[in-house]
PDB file of N, CA and C in Angstrom:
ATOM      1  N   MET A   1     -84.172 -59.223-126.134  1.00  0.00           N
ATOM      2  CA  MET A   1     -85.353 -60.085-126.370  1.00  0.00           C
ATOM      3  C   MET A   1     -84.912 -61.585-126.318  1.00  0.00           C
ATOM      4  N   SER A   2     -85.634 -62.187-125.520  1.00  0.00           N
ATOM      5  CA  SER A   2     -85.403 -63.766-125.291  1.00  0.00           C
ATOM      6  C   SER A   2     -86.400 -64.491-126.359  1.00  0.00           C
ATOM      7  N   THR A   3     -85.699 -65.291-127.072  1.00  0.00           N
ATOM      8  CA  THR A   3     -86.470 -66.079-128.089  1.00  0.00           C
ATOM      9  C   THR A   3     -86.175 -67.671-127.723  1.00  0.00           C
ATOM     10  N   PRO A   4     -87.042 -68.561-128.166  1.00  0.00           N
ATOM     11  CA  PRO A   4     -86.689 -69.962-127.800  1.00  0.00           C
ATOM     12  C   PRO A   4     -85.315 -70.457-128.121  1.00  0.00           C
ATOM     13  N   LEU A   5     -84.657 -69.799-129.399  1.00  0.00           N
ATOM     14  CA  LEU A   5     -83.333 -70.145-129.788  1.00  0.00           C
ATOM     15  C   LEU A   5     -82.338 -69.650-128.674  1.00  0.00           C
ATOM     16  N   ASN A   6     -82.564 -68.293-128.277  1.00  0.00           N
ATOM     17  CA  ASN A   6     -81.738 -67.743-127.271  1.00  0.00           C
ATOM     18  C   ASN A   6     -81.668 -68.614-126.048  1.00  0.00           C
ATOM     19  N   GLN A   7     -82.957 -68.864-125.643  1.00  0.00           N
ATOM     20  CA  GLN A   7     -82.957 -69.831-124.386  1.00  0.00           C
ATOM     21  C   GLN A   7     -82.344 -71.088-124.437  1.00  0.00           C
ATOM     22  N   LYS A   8     -82.276 -71.729-125.674  1.00  0.00           N
ATOM     23  CA  LYS A   8     -81.685 -72.981-125.726  1.00  0.00           C
ATOM     24  C   LYS A   8     -80.216 -72.821-125.863  1.00  0.00           C
ATOM     25  N   ILE A   9     -79.733 -71.873-126.382  1.00  0.00           N
ATOM     26  CA  ILE A   9     -78.288 -71.464-126.245  1.00  0.00           C
ATOM     27  C   ILE A   9     -77.769 -71.232-124.877  1.00  0.00           C
ATOM     28  N   TYR A  10     -78.760 -70.363-124.096  1.00  0.00           N
ATOM     29  CA  TYR A  10     -78.393 -70.051-122.773  1.00  0.00           C
ATOM     30  C   TYR A  10     -78.283 -71.376-121.912  1.00  0.00           C
ATOM     31  N   ASP A  11     -79.280 -72.275-122.232  1.00  0.00           N
ATOM     32  CA  ASP A  11     -79.131 -73.629-121.603  1.00  0.00           C
ATOM     33  C   ASP A  11     -77.934 -74.324-121.792  1.00  0.00           C
ATOM     34  N   LEU A  12     -77.550 -74.261-123.001  1.00  0.00           N
ATOM     35  CA  LEU A  12     -76.244 -74.958-123.443  1.00  0.00           C
ATOM     36  C   LEU A  12     -75.051 -74.345-122.784  1.00  0.00           C
ATOM     37  N   ILE A  13     -75.080 -72.990-122.507  1.00  0.00           N
ATOM     38  CA  ILE A  13     -73.894 -72.357-121.946  1.00  0.00           C
ATOM     39  C   ILE A  13     -73.868 -72.631-120.346  1.00  0.00           C
ATOM     40  N   GLU A  14     -75.048 -72.877-119.791  1.00  0.00           N
ATOM     41  CA  GLU A  14     -75.100 -72.953-118.293  1.00  0.00           C
ATOM     42  C   GLU A  14     -74.067 -73.790-117.634  1.00  0.00           C
ATOM     43  N   PRO A  15     -73.954 -75.041-118.120  1.00  0.00           N
ATOM     44  CA  PRO A  15     -72.921 -76.006-117.472  1.00  0.00           C
ATOM     45  C   PRO A  15     -71.552 -75.506-117.671  1.00  0.00           C
ATOM     46  N   PHE A  16     -71.215 -74.572-118.732  1.00  0.00           N
ATOM     47  CA  PHE A  16     -69.834 -74.108-118.815  1.00  0.00           C
ATOM     48  C   PHE A  16     -69.762 -72.711-118.189  1.00  0.00           C
ATOM     49  N   ASN A  17     -70.737 -72.137-117.613  1.00  0.00           N
ATOM     50  CA  ASN A  17     -70.736 -70.858-117.020  1.00  0.00           C
ATOM     51  C   ASN A  17     -70.467 -71.042-115.557  1.00  0.00           C
ATOM     52  N   LYS A  18     -69.132 -71.227-115.309  1.00  0.00           N
ATOM     53  CA  LYS A  18     -68.602 -71.534-113.876  1.00  0.00           C
ATOM     54  C   LYS A  18     -68.670 -70.131-113.094  1.00  0.00           C
ATOM     55  N   LYS A  19     -68.638 -69.188-113.494  1.00  0.00           N
ATOM     56  CA  LYS A  19     -68.808 -67.903-112.696  1.00  0.00           C
ATOM     57  C   LYS A  19     -70.064 -67.320-112.599  1.00  0.00           C
ATOM     58  N   GLY A  20     -71.111 -67.905-113.107  1.00  0.00           N
ATOM     59  CA  GLY A  20     -72.461 -67.631-112.910  1.00  0.00           C
ATOM     60  C   GLY A  20     -72.671 -66.294-113.587  1.00  0.00           C
ATOM     61  N   VAL A  21     -72.022 -65.929-114.640  1.00  0.00           N
ATOM     62  CA  VAL A  21     -72.242 -64.702-115.330  1.00  0.00           C
ATOM     63  C   VAL A  21     -73.751 -64.635-115.909  1.00  0.00           C
ATOM     64  N   GLU A  22     -74.277 -63.485-115.727  1.00  0.00           N
ATOM     65  CA  GLU A  22     -75.649 -63.249-116.332  1.00  0.00           C
ATOM     66  C   GLU A  22     -75.555 -63.112-117.839  1.00  0.00           C
ATOM     67  N   LEU A  23     -76.209 -63.923-118.560  1.00  0.00           N
ATOM     68  CA  LEU A  23     -76.285 -64.053-120.104  1.00  0.00           C
ATOM     69  C   LEU A  23     -77.059 -62.912-120.763  1.00  0.00           C
ATOM     70  N   GLY A  24     -76.393 -62.455-121.853  1.00  0.00           N
ATOM     71  CA  GLY A  24     -77.279 -61.472-122.668  1.00  0.00           C
ATOM     72  C   GLY A  24     -76.467 -61.492-123.981  1.00  0.00           C
ATOM     73  N   ASP A  25     -77.018 -60.834-124.975  1.00  0.00           N
ATOM     74  CA  ASP A  25     -76.435 -60.869-126.412  1.00  0.00           C
ATOM     75  C   ASP A  25     -75.044 -60.239-126.462  1.00  0.00           C
ATOM     76  N   ASN A  26     -74.750 -59.352-125.529  1.00  0.00           N
ATOM     77  CA  ASN A  26     -73.383 -58.846-125.505  1.00  0.00           C
ATOM     78  C   ASN A  26     -72.361 -59.631-124.643  1.00  0.00           C
ATOM     79  N   THR A  27     -72.761 -60.642-124.033  1.00  0.00           N
ATOM     80  CA  THR A  27     -71.894 -61.576-123.088  1.00  0.00           C
ATOM     81  C   THR A  27     -70.738 -62.029-124.004  1.00  0.00           C
ATOM     82  N   SER A  28     -69.448 -61.802-123.562  1.00  0.00           N
ATOM     83  CA  SER A  28     -68.435 -62.191-124.407  1.00  0.00           C
ATOM     84  C   SER A  28     -67.973 -63.647-123.867  1.00  0.00           C
ATOM     85  N   PHE A  29     -67.663 -64.521-124.818  1.00  0.00           N
ATOM     86  CA  PHE A  29     -67.067 -65.877-124.396  1.00  0.00           C
ATOM     87  C   PHE A  29     -65.734 -65.767-123.603  1.00  0.00           C
ATOM     88  N   ALA A  30     -64.892 -65.082-124.265  1.00  0.00           N
ATOM     89  CA  ALA A  30     -63.545 -64.868-123.787  1.00  0.00           C
ATOM     90  C   ALA A  30     -63.461 -63.914-122.623  1.00  0.00           C
ATOM     91  N   GLY A  31     -64.022 -62.756-122.788  1.00  0.00           N
ATOM     92  CA  GLY A  31     -63.857 -61.651-121.671  1.00  0.00           C
ATOM     93  C   GLY A  31     -64.823 -61.838-120.560  1.00  0.00           C
ATOM     94  N   ASP A  32     -66.114 -62.114-120.699  1.00  0.00           N
ATOM     95  CA  ASP A  32     -67.130 -62.277-119.608  1.00  0.00           C
ATOM     96  C   ASP A  32     -67.004 -63.617-118.968  1.00  0.00           C
ATOM     97  N   LEU A  33     -67.061 -64.596-119.754  1.00  0.00           N
ATOM     98  CA  LEU A  33     -67.325 -66.104-119.434  1.00  0.00           C
ATOM     99  C   LEU A  33     -65.792 -66.566-118.904  1.00  0.00           C
ATOM    100  N   GLU A  34     -64.839 -65.879-119.650  1.00  0.00           N
ATOM    101  CA  GLU A  34     -63.346 -66.390-119.298  1.00  0.00           C
ATOM    102  C   GLU A  34     -63.128 -67.823-119.760  1.00  0.00           C
ATOM    103  N   TRP A  35     -63.605 -68.269-120.919  1.00  0.00           N
ATOM    104  CA  TRP A  35     -63.449 -69.645-121.507  1.00  0.00           C
ATOM    105  C   TRP A  35     -62.050 -69.704-122.126  1.00  0.00           C
ATOM    106  N   ASP A  36     -61.427 -70.690-121.918  1.00  0.00           N
ATOM    107  CA  ASP A  36     -60.208 -71.190-122.625  1.00  0.00           C
ATOM    108  C   ASP A  36     -60.438 -71.872-123.880  1.00  0.00           C
ATOM    109  N   SER A  37     -59.550 -72.250-124.700  1.00  0.00           N
ATOM    110  CA  SER A  37     -59.798 -72.838-126.036  1.00  0.00           C
ATOM    111  C   SER A  37     -60.364 -74.246-125.897  1.00  0.00           C
ATOM    112  N   LEU A  38     -60.115 -74.966-124.907  1.00  0.00           N
ATOM    113  CA  LEU A  38     -60.621 -76.201-124.661  1.00  0.00           C
ATOM    114  C   LEU A  38     -62.096 -76.139-124.286  1.00  0.00           C
ATOM    115  N   THR A  39     -62.547 -75.257-123.473  1.00  0.00           N
ATOM    116  CA  THR A  39     -64.057 -74.931-123.017  1.00  0.00           C
ATOM    117  C   THR A  39     -64.724 -74.557-124.291  1.00  0.00           C
ATOM    118  N   VAL A  40     -64.085 -73.691-125.293  1.00  0.00           N
ATOM    119  CA  VAL A  40     -64.763 -73.376-126.450  1.00  0.00           C
ATOM    120  C   VAL A  40     -65.020 -74.438-127.333  1.00  0.00           C
ATOM    121  N   MET A  41     -64.039 -75.237-127.395  1.00  0.00           N
ATOM    122  CA  MET A  41     -64.234 -76.536-128.302  1.00  0.00           C
ATOM    123  C   MET A  41     -65.368 -77.413-127.889  1.00  0.00           C
ATOM    124  N   ASP A  42     -65.339 -77.688-126.450  1.00  0.00           N
ATOM    125  CA  ASP A  42     -66.357 -78.489-125.915  1.00  0.00           C
ATOM    126  C   ASP A  42     -67.891 -77.864-126.146  1.00  0.00           C
ATOM    127  N   PHE A  43     -67.950 -76.502-125.893  1.00  0.00           N
ATOM    128  CA  PHE A  43     -69.098 -75.936-126.132  1.00  0.00           C
ATOM    129  C   PHE A  43     -69.603 -75.962-127.588  1.00  0.00           C
ATOM    130  N   VAL A  44     -68.652 -75.615-128.448  1.00  0.00           N
ATOM    131  CA  VAL A  44     -68.970 -75.713-129.828  1.00  0.00           C
ATOM    132  C   VAL A  44     -69.431 -77.098-130.249  1.00  0.00           C
ATOM    133  N   ALA A  45     -68.910 -78.209-129.816  1.00  0.00           N
ATOM    134  CA  ALA A  45     -69.436 -79.520-130.029  1.00  0.00           C
ATOM    135  C   ALA A  45     -70.841 -79.696-129.595  1.00  0.00           C
ATOM    136  N   GLU A  46     -71.221 -79.088-128.451  1.00  0.00           N
ATOM    137  CA  GLU A  46     -72.456 -79.240-127.861  1.00  0.00           C
ATOM    138  C   GLU A  46     -73.510 -78.519-128.722  1.00  0.00           C
ATOM    139  N   VAL A  47     -73.109 -77.302-129.140  1.00  0.00           N
ATOM    140  CA  VAL A  47     -73.973 -76.549-130.042  1.00  0.00           C
ATOM    141  C   VAL A  47     -74.085 -77.311-131.398  1.00  0.00           C
ATOM    142  N   GLU A  48     -73.151 -77.761-132.024  1.00  0.00           N
ATOM    143  CA  GLU A  48     -73.317 -78.441-133.255  1.00  0.00           C
ATOM    144  C   GLU A  48     -74.215 -79.622-133.066  1.00  0.00           C
ATOM    145  N   ASP A  49     -74.054 -80.389-132.029  1.00  0.00           N
ATOM    146  CA  ASP A  49     -74.817 -81.700-131.634  1.00  0.00           C
ATOM    147  C   ASP A  49     -76.260 -81.181-131.585  1.00  0.00           C
ATOM    148  N   SER A  50     -76.485 -80.179-130.796  1.00  0.00           N
ATOM    149  CA  SER A  50     -77.900 -79.857-130.346  1.00  0.00           C
ATOM    150  C   SER A  50     -78.665 -79.324-131.527  1.00  0.00           C
ATOM    151  N   PHE A  51     -78.050 -78.558-132.478  1.00  0.00           N
ATOM    152  CA  PHE A  51     -78.702 -77.953-133.618  1.00  0.00           C
ATOM    153  C   PHE A  51     -78.506 -78.614-134.929  1.00  0.00           C
ATOM    154  N   ASP A  52     -77.567 -79.828-134.831  1.00  0.00           N
ATOM    155  CA  ASP A  52     -77.279 -80.559-136.039  1.00  0.00           C
ATOM    156  C   ASP A  52     -76.843 -79.653-137.082  1.00  0.00           C
ATOM    157  N   ILE A  53     -75.733 -78.741-136.809  1.00  0.00           N
ATOM    158  CA  ILE A  53     -75.093 -77.933-137.603  1.00  0.00           C
ATOM    159  C   ILE A  53     -73.587 -78.131-137.523  1.00  0.00           C
ATOM    160  N   ILE A  54     -72.781 -77.397-138.474  1.00  0.00           N
ATOM    161  CA  ILE A  54     -71.342 -77.474-138.474  1.00  0.00           C
ATOM    162  C   ILE A  54     -70.938 -75.969-138.329  1.00  0.00           C
ATOM    163  N   ILE A  55     -70.228 -75.702-137.338  1.00  0.00           N
ATOM    164  CA  ILE A  55     -69.572 -74.339-137.208  1.00  0.00           C
ATOM    165  C   ILE A  55     -68.252 -74.335-137.766  1.00  0.00           C
ATOM    166  N   THR A  56     -67.931 -73.778-138.854  1.00  0.00           N
ATOM    167  CA  THR A  56     -66.487 -73.774-139.220  1.00  0.00           C
ATOM    168  C   THR A  56     -65.558 -73.055-138.469  1.00  0.00           C
ATOM    169  N   MET A  57     -64.223 -73.354-138.524  1.00  0.00           N
ATOM    170  CA  MET A  57     -63.220 -72.675-137.758  1.00  0.00           C
ATOM    171  C   MET A  57     -63.356 -71.105-138.104  1.00  0.00           C
ATOM    172  N   ASN A  58     -63.357 -70.862-139.246  1.00  0.00           N
ATOM    173  CA  ASN A  58     -63.538 -69.554-139.677  1.00  0.00           C
ATOM    174  C   ASN A  58     -64.733 -68.670-138.957  1.00  0.00           C
ATOM    175  N   MET A  59     -65.785 -69.273-138.877  1.00  0.00           N
ATOM    176  CA  MET A  59     -66.898 -68.765-138.253  1.00  0.00           C
ATOM    177  C   MET A  59     -66.692 -68.706-136.766  1.00  0.00           C
ATOM    178  N   GLN A  60     -66.079 -69.692-136.168  1.00  0.00           N
ATOM    179  CA  GLN A  60     -65.708 -69.860-134.618  1.00  0.00           C
ATOM    180  C   GLN A  60     -64.926 -68.613-134.370  1.00  0.00           C
ATOM    181  N   ALA A  61     -64.055 -68.120-135.246  1.00  0.00           N
ATOM    182  CA  ALA A  61     -62.990 -67.035-135.037  1.00  0.00           C
ATOM    183  C   ALA A  61     -63.700 -65.624-134.867  1.00  0.00           C
ATOM    184  N   GLU A  62     -64.904 -65.710-135.683  1.00  0.00           N
ATOM    185  CA  GLU A  62     -65.616 -64.448-135.781  1.00  0.00           C
ATOM    186  C   GLU A  62     -66.729 -64.375-134.630  1.00  0.00           C
ATOM    187  N   ILE A  63     -67.060 -65.345-133.982  1.00  0.00           N
ATOM    188  CA  ILE A  63     -68.039 -65.331-133.106  1.00  0.00           C
ATOM    189  C   ILE A  63     -67.497 -65.205-131.619  1.00  0.00           C
ATOM    190  N   GLU A  64     -67.774 -63.898-131.045  1.00  0.00           N
ATOM    191  CA  GLU A  64     -67.123 -63.414-129.830  1.00  0.00           C
ATOM    192  C   GLU A  64     -68.202 -63.331-128.613  1.00  0.00           C
ATOM    193  N   THR A  65     -69.486 -63.168-129.236  1.00  0.00           N
ATOM    194  CA  THR A  65     -70.577 -62.908-128.114  1.00  0.00           C
ATOM    195  C   THR A  65     -71.671 -63.845-128.336  1.00  0.00           C
ATOM    196  N   VAL A  66     -72.559 -63.860-127.316  1.00  0.00           N
ATOM    197  CA  VAL A  66     -73.875 -64.803-127.346  1.00  0.00           C
ATOM    198  C   VAL A  66     -74.583 -64.460-128.429  1.00  0.00           C
ATOM    199  N   GLY A  67     -74.894 -63.046-128.623  1.00  0.00           N
ATOM    200  CA  GLY A  67     -75.687 -62.644-129.630  1.00  0.00           C
ATOM    201  C   GLY A  67     -75.280 -63.054-131.217  1.00  0.00           C
ATOM    202  N   GLN A  68     -73.819 -63.078-131.349  1.00  0.00           N
ATOM    203  CA  GLN A  68     -73.252 -63.390-132.510  1.00  0.00           C
ATOM    204  C   GLN A  68     -73.434 -64.890-132.749  1.00  0.00           C
ATOM    205  N   LEU A  69     -73.392 -65.761-131.764  1.00  0.00           N
ATOM    206  CA  LEU A  69     -73.609 -67.211-131.880  1.00  0.00           C
ATOM    207  C   LEU A  69     -75.086 -67.282-132.113  1.00  0.00           C
ATOM    208  N   VAL A  70     -75.922 -66.774-131.628  1.00  0.00           N
ATOM    209  CA  VAL A  70     -77.439 -67.078-132.022  1.00  0.00           C
ATOM    210  C   VAL A  70     -77.676 -66.579-133.366  1.00  0.00           C
ATOM    211  N   ALA A  71     -77.081 -65.520-133.903  1.00  0.00           N
ATOM    212  CA  ALA A  71     -77.242 -65.060-135.340  1.00  0.00           C
ATOM    213  C   ALA A  71     -76.627 -66.146-136.317  1.00  0.00           C
ATOM    214  N   ALA A  72     -75.437 -66.697-135.914  1.00  0.00           N
ATOM    215  CA  ALA A  72     -74.791 -67.693-136.662  1.00  0.00           C
ATOM    216  C   ALA A  72     -75.537 -68.968-136.772  1.00  0.00           C
ATOM    217  N   VAL A  73     -76.137 -69.368-135.541  1.00  0.00           N
ATOM    218  CA  VAL A  73     -76.989 -70.596-135.635  1.00  0.00           C
ATOM    219  C   VAL A  73     -78.265 -70.503-136.396  1.00  0.00           C
ATOM    220  N   GLU A  74     -78.840 -69.248-136.407  1.00  0.00           N
ATOM    221  CA  GLU A  74     -80.106 -68.898-137.187  1.00  0.00           C
ATOM    222  C   GLU A  74     -79.713 -69.120-138.700  1.00  0.00           C
ATOM    223  N   LYS A  75     -78.551 -68.513-139.088  1.00  0.00           N
ATOM    224  CA  LYS A  75     -78.044 -68.461-140.371  1.00  0.00           C
ATOM    225  C   LYS A  75     -77.950 -69.887-140.868  1.00  0.00           C
ATOM    226  N   LEU A  76     -77.202 -70.836-139.980  1.00  0.00           N
ATOM    227  CA  LEU A  76     -76.726 -72.111-140.336  1.00  0.00           C
ATOM    228  C   LEU A  76     -78.035 -73.124-140.477  1.00  0.00           C
ATOM    229  N   GLN A  77     -79.210 -72.651-139.794  1.00  0.00           N
ATOM    230  CA  GLN A  77     -80.363 -73.548-139.839  1.00  0.00           C
ATOM    231  C   GLN A  77     -81.250 -73.151-141.101  1.00  0.00           C
ATOM    232  N   ALA A  78     -81.080 -72.015-141.583  1.00  0.00           N
ATOM    233  CA  ALA A  78     -81.941 -71.485-142.623  1.00  0.00           C
ATOM    234  C   ALA A  78     -81.790 -72.424-143.912  1.00  0.00           C
TER     235      ALA A  78
END
């Protein structure tokens, strides 16, 4: 199910999606998108700026998929 939050995150991913991978809740940042650590850091900064949140290093380590990121942003905005 696509929500406004999902769509905003998809829009943030798009410039980093060099392989044109179709995005879904189970899309993996490391496996499907093949992001290296620098790309992850740049993307996390984008997410933090866009939603005015802080994603801790511990949280980053647990977020492996787009769906997990959406859930984390929802939780941090609550």
